[in-house]
């Protein structure tokens, strides 16, 4: 199918699902509203994000917008089921929400259909534009490929979803999925960034060959590239960054500074340079964060910066051409 226009910048809604810390409903709504005001029209969520909280909050804001004016994606693979929680336990998978629901992996056609139906109810919307299979490599990649992807293809044929794809942190897993199914899009997390580009070797050329678009996310590598100066306590892949990673990030930041560009601005814009990338998806915890991100994406970045990085061995020569 022909993918809808996603825009250069998309909004990732994990943060409004209370990722790592609680957020008030009003702040969540204001953050989504700020993304809209900044011109963002592609919004990505998932049942996994806050055990459905992200979908509910996002849907509540978008329900007041013209349905034809935005694109929304959510994910399948994890079914949410009620759980007894008499002790008031909190979620153990990174979201500051009550553990009143449990995630259950279900790649079957029935599970995929139920996931879509549940998401539509939480979102309060009439349709989902893009459905991604979420993290199949975390559970069972073979079952994801053999069960979930054919089910998604069937749902697309029936018109229940507009486009289908896979979202994962692993470039190798995504490559297997692109080879195995007729996908429209992949969501690539952290594997094509200013810091590292393992997806450039095989995955992105394969996507170009098969006409599969890429939604690039995780472009700050767990926050490592999110500040102009790289801090010693920065994280990489959700853990404290090792010394060699900090050294590389600081070399990138130093090169950026010589051209009057801040590291996060370069990280954002590099992530969009490859022609197969349809959008760069970034989350936010406050309205100001998403406004700043939109500003960074619009700032001019001189081509000489990429050339300098290539000359210093910080980027491969063939990656500096957009």
C-alpha atoms as a PDB file:
ATOM      1  CA  UNK A   1       0.000   0.000   0.000  1.00  0.00           C
ATOM      2  CA  UNK A   2       0.963   3.641  -0.171  1.00  0.00           C
ATOM      3  CA  UNK A   3       2.010   4.815   3.278  1.00  0.00           C
ATOM      4  CA  UNK A   4       0.404   7.977   4.610  1.00  0.00           C
ATOM      5  CA  UNK A   5       2.595  11.037   5.006  1.00  0.00           C
ATOM      6  CA  UNK A   6       4.206  10.811   8.448  1.00  0.00           C
ATOM      7  CA  UNK A   7       6.164  14.053   8.556  1.00  0.00           C
ATOM      8  CA  UNK A   8       9.829  14.434   9.373  1.00  0.00           C
ATOM      9  CA  UNK A   9       9.120  14.294  13.118  1.00  0.00           C
ATOM     10  CA  UNK A  10       6.727  11.982  14.958  1.00  0.00           C
ATOM     11  CA  UNK A  11       5.638  11.808  18.594  1.00  0.00           C
ATOM     12  CA  UNK A  12       6.446   8.705  20.635  1.00  0.00           C
ATOM     13  CA  UNK A  13       3.937   8.274  23.460  1.00  0.00           C
ATOM     14  CA  UNK A  14       5.851   6.028  25.887  1.00  0.00           C
ATOM     15  CA  UNK A  15       6.537   9.031  28.134  1.00  0.00           C
ATOM     16  CA  UNK A  16       2.865   9.835  28.616  1.00  0.00           C
ATOM     17  CA  UNK A  17       2.461   6.233  29.775  1.00  0.00           C
ATOM     18  CA  UNK A  18       4.547   7.186  32.846  1.00  0.00           C
ATOM     19  CA  UNK A  19       7.833   5.812  31.519  1.00  0.00           C
ATOM     20  CA  UNK A  20      10.258   5.848  34.490  1.00  0.00           C
ATOM     21  CA  UNK A  21       8.211   8.457  36.359  1.00  0.00           C
ATOM     22  CA  UNK A  22       4.609   9.487  36.931  1.00  0.00           C
ATOM     23  CA  UNK A  23       3.106  12.306  34.898  1.00  0.00           C
ATOM     24  CA  UNK A  24      -0.106  14.192  35.641  1.00  0.00           C
ATOM     25  CA  UNK A  25      -2.957  13.796  33.171  1.00  0.00           C
ATOM     26  CA  UNK A  26      -2.882  17.535  32.502  1.00  0.00           C
ATOM     27  CA  UNK A  27       0.832  17.517  31.672  1.00  0.00           C
ATOM     28  CA  UNK A  28       0.377  14.505  29.410  1.00  0.00           C
ATOM     29  CA  UNK A  29      -2.447  16.207  27.539  1.00  0.00           C
ATOM     30  CA  UNK A  30      -0.468  19.447  27.265  1.00  0.00           C
ATOM     31  CA  UNK A  31       2.538  17.546  25.897  1.00  0.00           C
ATOM     32  CA  UNK A  32       0.465  15.908  23.152  1.00  0.00           C
ATOM     33  CA  UNK A  33      -1.122  19.300  22.466  1.00  0.00           C
ATOM     34  CA  UNK A  34       2.301  20.918  22.154  1.00  0.00           C
ATOM     35  CA  UNK A  35       3.297  18.258  19.624  1.00  0.00           C
ATOM     36  CA  UNK A  36       0.174  19.062  17.614  1.00  0.00           C
ATOM     37  CA  UNK A  37       0.862  22.793  17.810  1.00  0.00           C
ATOM     38  CA  UNK A  38       4.419  22.142  16.585  1.00  0.00           C
ATOM     39  CA  UNK A  39       2.994  20.564  13.435  1.00  0.00           C
ATOM     40  CA  UNK A  40       3.492  16.918  14.382  1.00  0.00           C
ATOM     41  CA  UNK A  41       0.796  14.694  12.913  1.00  0.00           C
ATOM     42  CA  UNK A  42       2.183  11.181  13.460  1.00  0.00           C
ATOM     43  CA  UNK A  43       1.645   9.654  16.912  1.00  0.00           C
ATOM     44  CA  UNK A  44       2.922   6.250  18.050  1.00  0.00           C
ATOM     45  CA  UNK A  45       1.779   4.334  21.119  1.00  0.00           C
ATOM     46  CA  UNK A  46       1.464   0.753  22.421  1.00  0.00           C
ATOM     47  CA  UNK A  47      -0.466  -1.270  25.021  1.00  0.00           C
ATOM     48  CA  UNK A  48       2.899  -1.934  26.688  1.00  0.00           C
ATOM     49  CA  UNK A  49       3.351   1.767  27.487  1.00  0.00           C
ATOM     50  CA  UNK A  50       1.943   2.206  30.965  1.00  0.00           C
ATOM     51  CA  UNK A  51      -0.299  -0.862  30.667  1.00  0.00           C
ATOM     52  CA  UNK A  52      -2.661   1.008  28.359  1.00  0.00           C
ATOM     53  CA  UNK A  53      -2.287   4.430  29.981  1.00  0.00           C
ATOM     54  CA  UNK A  54      -0.453   5.875  26.981  1.00  0.00           C
ATOM     55  CA  UNK A  55      -3.196   4.785  24.590  1.00  0.00           C
ATOM     56  CA  UNK A  56      -5.930   6.212  26.800  1.00  0.00           C
ATOM     57  CA  UNK A  57      -4.186   9.564  27.253  1.00  0.00           C
ATOM     58  CA  UNK A  58      -3.230   9.890  23.596  1.00  0.00           C
ATOM     59  CA  UNK A  59      -6.684   8.946  22.385  1.00  0.00           C
ATOM     60  CA  UNK A  60      -8.326  11.456  24.717  1.00  0.00           C
ATOM     61  CA  UNK A  61      -6.424  14.315  23.066  1.00  0.00           C
ATOM     62  CA  UNK A  62      -6.664  13.098  19.484  1.00  0.00           C
ATOM     63  CA  UNK A  63     -10.395  12.458  19.802  1.00  0.00           C
ATOM     64  CA  UNK A  64     -10.801  16.223  19.618  1.00  0.00           C
ATOM     65  CA  UNK A  65      -8.857  16.496  16.342  1.00  0.00           C
ATOM     66  CA  UNK A  66     -10.124  15.867  12.789  1.00  0.00           C
ATOM     67  CA  UNK A  67      -9.520  12.151  12.166  1.00  0.00           C
ATOM     68  CA  UNK A  68      -8.182  12.725   8.693  1.00  0.00           C
ATOM     69  CA  UNK A  69      -5.530  15.134   9.934  1.00  0.00           C
ATOM     70  CA  UNK A  70      -3.324  12.686  11.851  1.00  0.00           C
ATOM     71  CA  UNK A  71      -1.769   9.226  11.610  1.00  0.00           C
ATOM     72  CA  UNK A  72      -1.715   6.899  14.607  1.00  0.00           C
ATOM     73  CA  UNK A  73       0.150   3.661  15.158  1.00  0.00           C
ATOM     74  CA  UNK A  74      -0.036   1.160  17.964  1.00  0.00           C
ATOM     75  CA  UNK A  75       1.404  -2.276  18.523  1.00  0.00           C
ATOM     76  CA  UNK A  76       0.327  -5.889  18.861  1.00  0.00           C
ATOM     77  CA  UNK A  77       1.847  -8.970  20.459  1.00  0.00           C
ATOM     78  CA  UNK A  78       1.307  -8.115  24.112  1.00  0.00           C
ATOM     79  CA  UNK A  79      -2.243  -8.668  25.355  1.00  0.00           C
ATOM     80  CA  UNK A  80      -3.254  -6.826  28.543  1.00  0.00           C
ATOM     81  CA  UNK A  81      -5.244  -8.837  31.066  1.00  0.00           C
ATOM     82  CA  UNK A  82      -6.616  -7.810  34.487  1.00  0.00           C
ATOM     83  CA  UNK A  83      -4.609  -8.922  37.508  1.00  0.00           C
ATOM     84  CA  UNK A  84      -5.404  -9.015  41.193  1.00  0.00           C
ATOM     85  CA  UNK A  85      -3.215  -6.464  42.952  1.00  0.00           C
ATOM     86  CA  UNK A  86      -4.267  -6.400  46.623  1.00  0.00           C
ATOM     87  CA  UNK A  87      -0.903  -5.071  47.803  1.00  0.00           C
ATOM     88  CA  UNK A  88      -0.879  -2.169  45.362  1.00  0.00           C
ATOM     89  CA  UNK A  89       2.259  -3.311  43.520  1.00  0.00           C
ATOM     90  CA  UNK A  90       3.711  -1.155  40.755  1.00  0.00           C
ATOM     91  CA  UNK A  91       4.641  -2.229  37.236  1.00  0.00           C
ATOM     92  CA  UNK A  92       8.090  -3.815  36.951  1.00  0.00           C
ATOM     93  CA  UNK A  93       8.765  -3.026  33.270  1.00  0.00           C
ATOM     94  CA  UNK A  94       9.725   0.622  33.517  1.00  0.00           C
ATOM     95  CA  UNK A  95       6.368   2.362  33.881  1.00  0.00           C
ATOM     96  CA  UNK A  96       5.208   4.091  37.064  1.00  0.00           C
ATOM     97  CA  UNK A  97       1.690   2.650  37.077  1.00  0.00           C
ATOM     98  CA  UNK A  98      -0.187   0.168  39.284  1.00  0.00           C
ATOM     99  CA  UNK A  99       0.328  -3.468  38.338  1.00  0.00           C
ATOM    100  CA  UNK A 100      -3.410  -3.998  37.926  1.00  0.00           C
ATOM    101  CA  UNK A 101      -2.823  -5.524  34.502  1.00  0.00           C
ATOM    102  CA  UNK A 102      -0.398  -8.119  33.177  1.00  0.00           C
ATOM    103  CA  UNK A 103       1.133  -8.407  29.718  1.00  0.00           C
ATOM    104  CA  UNK A 104       0.759 -11.720  27.919  1.00  0.00           C
ATOM    105  CA  UNK A 105       2.542 -12.555  24.660  1.00  0.00           C
ATOM    106  CA  UNK A 106       0.051 -13.842  22.096  1.00  0.00           C
ATOM    107  CA  UNK A 107       1.172 -13.888  18.442  1.00  0.00           C
ATOM    108  CA  UNK A 108      -1.849 -15.868  17.249  1.00  0.00           C
ATOM    109  CA  UNK A 109      -4.387 -14.398  14.845  1.00  0.00           C
ATOM    110  CA  UNK A 110      -6.963 -14.342  17.619  1.00  0.00           C
ATOM    111  CA  UNK A 111      -4.491 -12.551  19.878  1.00  0.00           C
ATOM    112  CA  UNK A 112      -3.627  -9.989  17.208  1.00  0.00           C
ATOM    113  CA  UNK A 113      -7.309  -9.272  16.523  1.00  0.00           C
ATOM    114  CA  UNK A 114      -8.048  -8.922  20.210  1.00  0.00           C
ATOM    115  CA  UNK A 115      -5.095  -6.586  20.650  1.00  0.00           C
ATOM    116  CA  UNK A 116      -6.352  -4.301  17.877  1.00  0.00           C
ATOM    117  CA  UNK A 117      -9.886  -4.299  19.283  1.00  0.00           C
ATOM    118  CA  UNK A 118      -8.634  -3.522  22.801  1.00  0.00           C
ATOM    119  CA  UNK A 119      -6.430  -0.708  21.521  1.00  0.00           C
ATOM    120  CA  UNK A 120      -9.301   0.848  19.577  1.00  0.00           C
ATOM    121  CA  UNK A 121     -11.389   0.838  22.743  1.00  0.00           C
ATOM    122  CA  UNK A 122      -8.630   2.454  24.830  1.00  0.00           C
ATOM    123  CA  UNK A 123      -7.881   5.014  22.123  1.00  0.00           C
ATOM    124  CA  UNK A 124     -11.531   5.781  21.532  1.00  0.00           C
ATOM    125  CA  UNK A 125     -10.848   6.002  17.799  1.00  0.00           C
ATOM    126  CA  UNK A 126     -12.466   4.353  14.813  1.00  0.00           C
ATOM    127  CA  UNK A 127      -9.377   2.957  13.139  1.00  0.00           C
ATOM    128  CA  UNK A 128      -5.637   2.368  13.466  1.00  0.00           C
ATOM    129  CA  UNK A 129      -3.485   3.554  10.605  1.00  0.00           C
ATOM    130  CA  UNK A 130      -0.387   1.445  11.349  1.00  0.00           C
ATOM    131  CA  UNK A 131      -0.068  -1.721  13.458  1.00  0.00           C
ATOM    132  CA  UNK A 132       3.407  -2.911  14.449  1.00  0.00           C
ATOM    133  CA  UNK A 133       4.307  -6.283  15.894  1.00  0.00           C
ATOM    134  CA  UNK A 134       6.085  -5.218  19.098  1.00  0.00           C
ATOM    135  CA  UNK A 135       9.439  -6.722  20.120  1.00  0.00           C
ATOM    136  CA  UNK A 136       8.929 -10.250  18.727  1.00  0.00           C
ATOM    137  CA  UNK A 137      12.602 -11.031  19.383  1.00  0.00           C
ATOM    138  CA  UNK A 138      12.059 -10.453  23.106  1.00  0.00           C
ATOM    139  CA  UNK A 139       9.567 -13.327  23.202  1.00  0.00           C
ATOM    140  CA  UNK A 140       9.631 -15.693  20.212  1.00  0.00           C
ATOM    141  CA  UNK A 141      10.784 -14.338  16.863  1.00  0.00           C
ATOM    142  CA  UNK A 142       9.857 -17.509  14.972  1.00  0.00           C
ATOM    143  CA  UNK A 143       6.285 -17.419  16.265  1.00  0.00           C
ATOM    144  CA  UNK A 144       6.104 -13.711  15.519  1.00  0.00           C
ATOM    145  CA  UNK A 145       7.144 -14.298  11.919  1.00  0.00           C
ATOM    146  CA  UNK A 146       5.056 -17.433  11.344  1.00  0.00           C
ATOM    147  CA  UNK A 147       1.886 -16.424  13.206  1.00  0.00           C
ATOM    148  CA  UNK A 148       1.675 -12.702  13.888  1.00  0.00           C
ATOM    149  CA  UNK A 149       2.902 -11.348  10.576  1.00  0.00           C
ATOM    150  CA  UNK A 150       0.513 -13.417   8.435  1.00  0.00           C
ATOM    151  CA  UNK A 151      -2.287 -12.318  10.781  1.00  0.00           C
ATOM    152  CA  UNK A 152      -1.330  -8.679  10.285  1.00  0.00           C
ATOM    153  CA  UNK A 153      -1.242  -9.172   6.505  1.00  0.00           C
ATOM    154  CA  UNK A 154      -4.768 -10.604   6.736  1.00  0.00           C
ATOM    155  CA  UNK A 155      -6.010  -7.674   8.826  1.00  0.00           C
ATOM    156  CA  UNK A 156      -4.578  -5.257   6.287  1.00  0.00           C
ATOM    157  CA  UNK A 157      -6.307  -7.103   3.452  1.00  0.00           C
ATOM    158  CA  UNK A 158      -9.568  -6.840   5.377  1.00  0.00           C
ATOM    159  CA  UNK A 159      -9.048  -3.119   5.890  1.00  0.00           C
ATOM    160  CA  UNK A 160      -9.000  -3.369   9.695  1.00  0.00           C
ATOM    161  CA  UNK A 161      -5.596  -1.675   9.750  1.00  0.00           C
ATOM    162  CA  UNK A 162      -4.084   0.548   7.107  1.00  0.00           C
ATOM    163  CA  UNK A 163      -0.427  -0.485   7.168  1.00  0.00           C
ATOM    164  CA  UNK A 164       1.608  -3.102   9.020  1.00  0.00           C
ATOM    165  CA  UNK A 165       5.110  -3.400  10.347  1.00  0.00           C
ATOM    166  CA  UNK A 166       7.417  -4.539  13.129  1.00  0.00           C
ATOM    167  CA  UNK A 167       9.041  -2.544  15.911  1.00  0.00           C
ATOM    168  CA  UNK A 168      12.214  -3.799  17.609  1.00  0.00           C
ATOM    169  CA  UNK A 169      15.614  -2.847  18.987  1.00  0.00           C
ATOM    170  CA  UNK A 170      17.363  -5.563  16.971  1.00  0.00           C
ATOM    171  CA  UNK A 171      18.378  -4.826  13.392  1.00  0.00           C
ATOM    172  CA  UNK A 172      18.892  -8.552  12.801  1.00  0.00           C
ATOM    173  CA  UNK A 173      15.362  -9.406  13.959  1.00  0.00           C
ATOM    174  CA  UNK A 174      13.899  -6.667  11.803  1.00  0.00           C
ATOM    175  CA  UNK A 175      15.834  -7.908   8.795  1.00  0.00           C
ATOM    176  CA  UNK A 176      14.344 -11.381   9.236  1.00  0.00           C
ATOM    177  CA  UNK A 177      10.864  -9.893   9.439  1.00  0.00           C
ATOM    178  CA  UNK A 178      11.336  -7.750   6.324  1.00  0.00           C
ATOM    179  CA  UNK A 179      12.536 -10.826   4.430  1.00  0.00           C
ATOM    180  CA  UNK A 180       9.619 -12.950   5.638  1.00  0.00           C
ATOM    181  CA  UNK A 181       6.587 -10.701   5.138  1.00  0.00           C
ATOM    182  CA  UNK A 182       5.088  -7.968   2.998  1.00  0.00           C
ATOM    183  CA  UNK A 183       5.612  -5.093   5.429  1.00  0.00           C
ATOM    184  CA  UNK A 184       4.910  -1.422   4.871  1.00  0.00           C
ATOM    185  CA  UNK A 185       7.077  -0.022   7.638  1.00  0.00           C
ATOM    186  CA  UNK A 186       9.465  -0.918  10.427  1.00  0.00           C
ATOM    187  CA  UNK A 187      10.112   0.946  13.660  1.00  0.00           C
ATOM    188  CA  UNK A 188      13.851   0.806  14.250  1.00  0.00           C
ATOM    189  CA  UNK A 189      14.915   1.618  17.821  1.00  0.00           C
ATOM    190  CA  UNK A 190      18.454   2.812  18.497  1.00  0.00           C
ATOM    191  CA  UNK A 191      20.212   1.034  15.653  1.00  0.00           C
ATOM    192  CA  UNK A 192      20.600   3.913  13.210  1.00  0.00           C
ATOM    193  CA  UNK A 193      21.822   6.875  15.215  1.00  0.00           C
ATOM    194  CA  UNK A 194      24.639   9.386  15.134  1.00  0.00           C
ATOM    195  CA  UNK A 195      26.466   7.138  17.611  1.00  0.00           C
ATOM    196  CA  UNK A 196      26.063   3.806  15.818  1.00  0.00           C
ATOM    197  CA  UNK A 197      24.597   2.528  12.559  1.00  0.00           C
ATOM    198  CA  UNK A 198      24.456  -1.292  12.500  1.00  0.00           C
ATOM    199  CA  UNK A 199      21.250  -1.108  10.457  1.00  0.00           C
ATOM    200  CA  UNK A 200      23.136   0.555   7.602  1.00  0.00           C
ATOM    201  CA  UNK A 201      24.927  -2.628   6.543  1.00  0.00           C
ATOM    202  CA  UNK A 202      21.997  -4.864   5.598  1.00  0.00           C
ATOM    203  CA  UNK A 203      18.671  -3.719   6.988  1.00  0.00           C
ATOM    204  CA  UNK A 204      18.272  -0.281   5.417  1.00  0.00           C
ATOM    205  CA  UNK A 205      19.383  -1.448   1.934  1.00  0.00           C
ATOM    206  CA  UNK A 206      16.913  -4.334   2.203  1.00  0.00           C
ATOM    207  CA  UNK A 207      14.143  -1.904   3.159  1.00  0.00           C
ATOM    208  CA  UNK A 208      15.011   0.287   0.183  1.00  0.00           C
ATOM    209  CA  UNK A 209      14.947  -2.745  -2.116  1.00  0.00           C
ATOM    210  CA  UNK A 210      11.564  -3.945  -0.837  1.00  0.00           C
ATOM    211  CA  UNK A 211       9.927  -0.524  -0.522  1.00  0.00           C
ATOM    212  CA  UNK A 212       9.644  -0.708   3.271  1.00  0.00           C
ATOM    213  CA  UNK A 213       9.687   2.622   5.093  1.00  0.00           C
ATOM    214  CA  UNK A 214      11.546   3.198   8.358  1.00  0.00           C
ATOM    215  CA  UNK A 215      10.297   5.038  11.428  1.00  0.00           C
ATOM    216  CA  UNK A 216      13.548   5.778  13.231  1.00  0.00           C
ATOM    217  CA  UNK A 217      13.332   6.043  17.026  1.00  0.00           C
ATOM    218  CA  UNK A 218      15.627   5.812  20.036  1.00  0.00           C
ATOM    219  CA  UNK A 219      17.868   8.275  18.221  1.00  0.00           C
ATOM    220  CA  UNK A 220      19.397   9.647  21.428  1.00  0.00           C
ATOM    221  CA  UNK A 221      20.587   6.178  22.499  1.00  0.00           C
ATOM    222  CA  UNK A 222      18.833   6.190  25.893  1.00  0.00           C
ATOM    223  CA  UNK A 223      19.607   9.862  26.455  1.00  0.00           C
ATOM    224  CA  UNK A 224      23.335   9.713  25.758  1.00  0.00           C
ATOM    225  CA  UNK A 225      22.990  12.161  22.839  1.00  0.00           C
ATOM    226  CA  UNK A 226      20.165  14.208  24.364  1.00  0.00           C
ATOM    227  CA  UNK A 227      22.350  16.987  25.807  1.00  0.00           C
ATOM    228  CA  UNK A 228      24.893  19.324  24.271  1.00  0.00           C
ATOM    229  CA  UNK A 229      27.495  18.131  26.798  1.00  0.00           C
ATOM    230  CA  UNK A 230      27.855  14.419  27.506  1.00  0.00           C
ATOM    231  CA  UNK A 231      27.632  13.729  31.213  1.00  0.00           C
ATOM    232  CA  UNK A 232      29.645  11.052  32.978  1.00  0.00           C
ATOM    233  CA  UNK A 233      26.486   9.465  34.360  1.00  0.00           C
ATOM    234  CA  UNK A 234      24.820   9.231  30.937  1.00  0.00           C
ATOM    235  CA  UNK A 235      23.025   6.036  29.963  1.00  0.00           C
ATOM    236  CA  UNK A 236      23.372   3.914  26.837  1.00  0.00           C
ATOM    237  CA  UNK A 237      20.971   1.063  26.006  1.00  0.00           C
ATOM    238  CA  UNK A 238      19.173   1.723  29.304  1.00  0.00           C
ATOM    239  CA  UNK A 239      22.316   1.150  31.415  1.00  0.00           C
ATOM    240  CA  UNK A 240      25.264   3.326  32.520  1.00  0.00           C
ATOM    241  CA  UNK A 241      27.360   4.123  29.450  1.00  0.00           C
ATOM    242  CA  UNK A 242      30.782   2.420  29.331  1.00  0.00           C
ATOM    243  CA  UNK A 243      33.894   4.572  29.004  1.00  0.00           C
ATOM    244  CA  UNK A 244      34.483   3.900  25.306  1.00  0.00           C
ATOM    245  CA  UNK A 245      30.903   4.910  24.469  1.00  0.00           C
ATOM    246  CA  UNK A 246      31.241   8.125  26.489  1.00  0.00           C
ATOM    247  CA  UNK A 247      34.479   8.897  24.645  1.00  0.00           C
ATOM    248  CA  UNK A 248      32.827   8.474  21.256  1.00  0.00           C
ATOM    249  CA  UNK A 249      29.826  10.583  22.252  1.00  0.00           C
ATOM    250  CA  UNK A 250      32.104  13.351  23.509  1.00  0.00           C
ATOM    251  CA  UNK A 251      34.054  13.317  20.259  1.00  0.00           C
ATOM    252  CA  UNK A 252      30.757  13.768  18.391  1.00  0.00           C
ATOM    253  CA  UNK A 253      29.732  16.603  20.721  1.00  0.00           C
ATOM    254  CA  UNK A 254      33.103  18.337  20.271  1.00  0.00           C
ATOM    255  CA  UNK A 255      32.838  18.155  16.498  1.00  0.00           C
ATOM    256  CA  UNK A 256      29.301  19.559  16.652  1.00  0.00           C
ATOM    257  CA  UNK A 257      30.415  22.453  18.841  1.00  0.00           C
ATOM    258  CA  UNK A 258      33.020  23.499  16.283  1.00  0.00           C
ATOM    259  CA  UNK A 259      30.196  24.110  13.807  1.00  0.00           C
ATOM    260  CA  UNK A 260      27.863  25.807  16.278  1.00  0.00           C
ATOM    261  CA  UNK A 261      25.509  22.842  16.407  1.00  0.00           C
ATOM    262  CA  UNK A 262      24.382  21.135  19.596  1.00  0.00           C
ATOM    263  CA  UNK A 263      24.728  17.353  19.813  1.00  0.00           C
ATOM    264  CA  UNK A 264      20.969  16.615  20.125  1.00  0.00           C
ATOM    265  CA  UNK A 265      20.270  18.685  17.017  1.00  0.00           C
ATOM    266  CA  UNK A 266      22.842  16.732  15.016  1.00  0.00           C
ATOM    267  CA  UNK A 267      21.527  13.441  16.411  1.00  0.00           C
ATOM    268  CA  UNK A 268      17.971  14.261  15.338  1.00  0.00           C
ATOM    269  CA  UNK A 269      18.859  15.416  11.880  1.00  0.00           C
ATOM    270  CA  UNK A 270      21.316  12.624  11.146  1.00  0.00           C
ATOM    271  CA  UNK A 271      18.588  10.127  12.039  1.00  0.00           C
ATOM    272  CA  UNK A 272      16.447  11.566   9.230  1.00  0.00           C
ATOM    273  CA  UNK A 273      19.150  11.730   6.550  1.00  0.00           C
ATOM    274  CA  UNK A 274      18.837   8.266   5.031  1.00  0.00           C
ATOM    275  CA  UNK A 275      16.225   8.364   2.239  1.00  0.00           C
ATOM    276  CA  UNK A 276      14.503   5.197   3.488  1.00  0.00           C
ATOM    277  CA  UNK A 277      13.678   6.915   6.804  1.00  0.00           C
ATOM    278  CA  UNK A 278      10.098   8.222   6.629  1.00  0.00           C
ATOM    279  CA  UNK A 279      10.052   9.857  10.070  1.00  0.00           C
ATOM    280  CA  UNK A 280      12.029  10.253  13.290  1.00  0.00           C
ATOM    281  CA  UNK A 281       9.918   9.441  16.348  1.00  0.00           C
ATOM    282  CA  UNK A 282      10.847  11.168  19.612  1.00  0.00           C
ATOM    283  CA  UNK A 283       9.137  11.146  22.982  1.00  0.00           C
ATOM    284  CA  UNK A 284       8.767  13.944  25.515  1.00  0.00           C
ATOM    285  CA  UNK A 285       7.937  14.362  29.181  1.00  0.00           C
ATOM    286  CA  UNK A 286       6.840  17.999  29.043  1.00  0.00           C
ATOM    287  CA  UNK A 287       5.400  20.403  26.477  1.00  0.00           C
ATOM    288  CA  UNK A 288       8.674  22.331  26.444  1.00  0.00           C
ATOM    289  CA  UNK A 289      10.650  19.202  25.538  1.00  0.00           C
ATOM    290  CA  UNK A 290       8.599  18.515  22.427  1.00  0.00           C
ATOM    291  CA  UNK A 291       8.690  22.185  21.414  1.00  0.00           C
ATOM    292  CA  UNK A 292      12.482  22.134  21.744  1.00  0.00           C
ATOM    293  CA  UNK A 293      12.684  18.925  19.711  1.00  0.00           C
ATOM    294  CA  UNK A 294      10.630  20.445  16.899  1.00  0.00           C
ATOM    295  CA  UNK A 295      12.888  23.508  16.961  1.00  0.00           C
ATOM    296  CA  UNK A 296      16.004  21.322  16.753  1.00  0.00           C
ATOM    297  CA  UNK A 297      14.632  19.426  13.773  1.00  0.00           C
ATOM    298  CA  UNK A 298      14.115  22.725  11.931  1.00  0.00           C
ATOM    299  CA  UNK A 299      17.524  24.257  12.719  1.00  0.00           C
ATOM    300  CA  UNK A 300      20.028  24.553   9.859  1.00  0.00           C
ATOM    301  CA  UNK A 301      22.912  22.076  10.068  1.00  0.00           C
ATOM    302  CA  UNK A 302      25.846  22.651   7.695  1.00  0.00           C
ATOM    303  CA  UNK A 303      26.839  19.790   5.428  1.00  0.00           C
ATOM    304  CA  UNK A 304      30.415  20.443   6.492  1.00  0.00           C
ATOM    305  CA  UNK A 305      29.602  18.992   9.926  1.00  0.00           C
ATOM    306  CA  UNK A 306      28.890  15.542   8.490  1.00  0.00           C
ATOM    307  CA  UNK A 307      31.990  15.771   6.326  1.00  0.00           C
ATOM    308  CA  UNK A 308      34.119  16.632   9.355  1.00  0.00           C
ATOM    309  CA  UNK A 309      32.717  13.674  11.246  1.00  0.00           C
ATOM    310  CA  UNK A 310      33.567  11.397   8.356  1.00  0.00           C
ATOM    311  CA  UNK A 311      37.080  12.814   8.137  1.00  0.00           C
ATOM    312  CA  UNK A 312      37.597  12.035  11.838  1.00  0.00           C
ATOM    313  CA  UNK A 313      36.310   8.495  11.537  1.00  0.00           C
ATOM    314  CA  UNK A 314      33.130   9.255  13.470  1.00  0.00           C
ATOM    315  CA  UNK A 315      30.869   8.463  10.523  1.00  0.00           C
ATOM    316  CA  UNK A 316      31.375   6.275   7.468  1.00  0.00           C
ATOM    317  CA  UNK A 317      31.829   8.263   4.260  1.00  0.00           C
ATOM    318  CA  UNK A 318      28.756   6.764   2.630  1.00  0.00           C
ATOM    319  CA  UNK A 319      26.530   7.910   5.505  1.00  0.00           C
ATOM    320  CA  UNK A 320      27.169  11.625   5.200  1.00  0.00           C
ATOM    321  CA  UNK A 321      25.158  11.973   2.001  1.00  0.00           C
ATOM    322  CA  UNK A 322      21.453  12.557   2.610  1.00  0.00           C
END
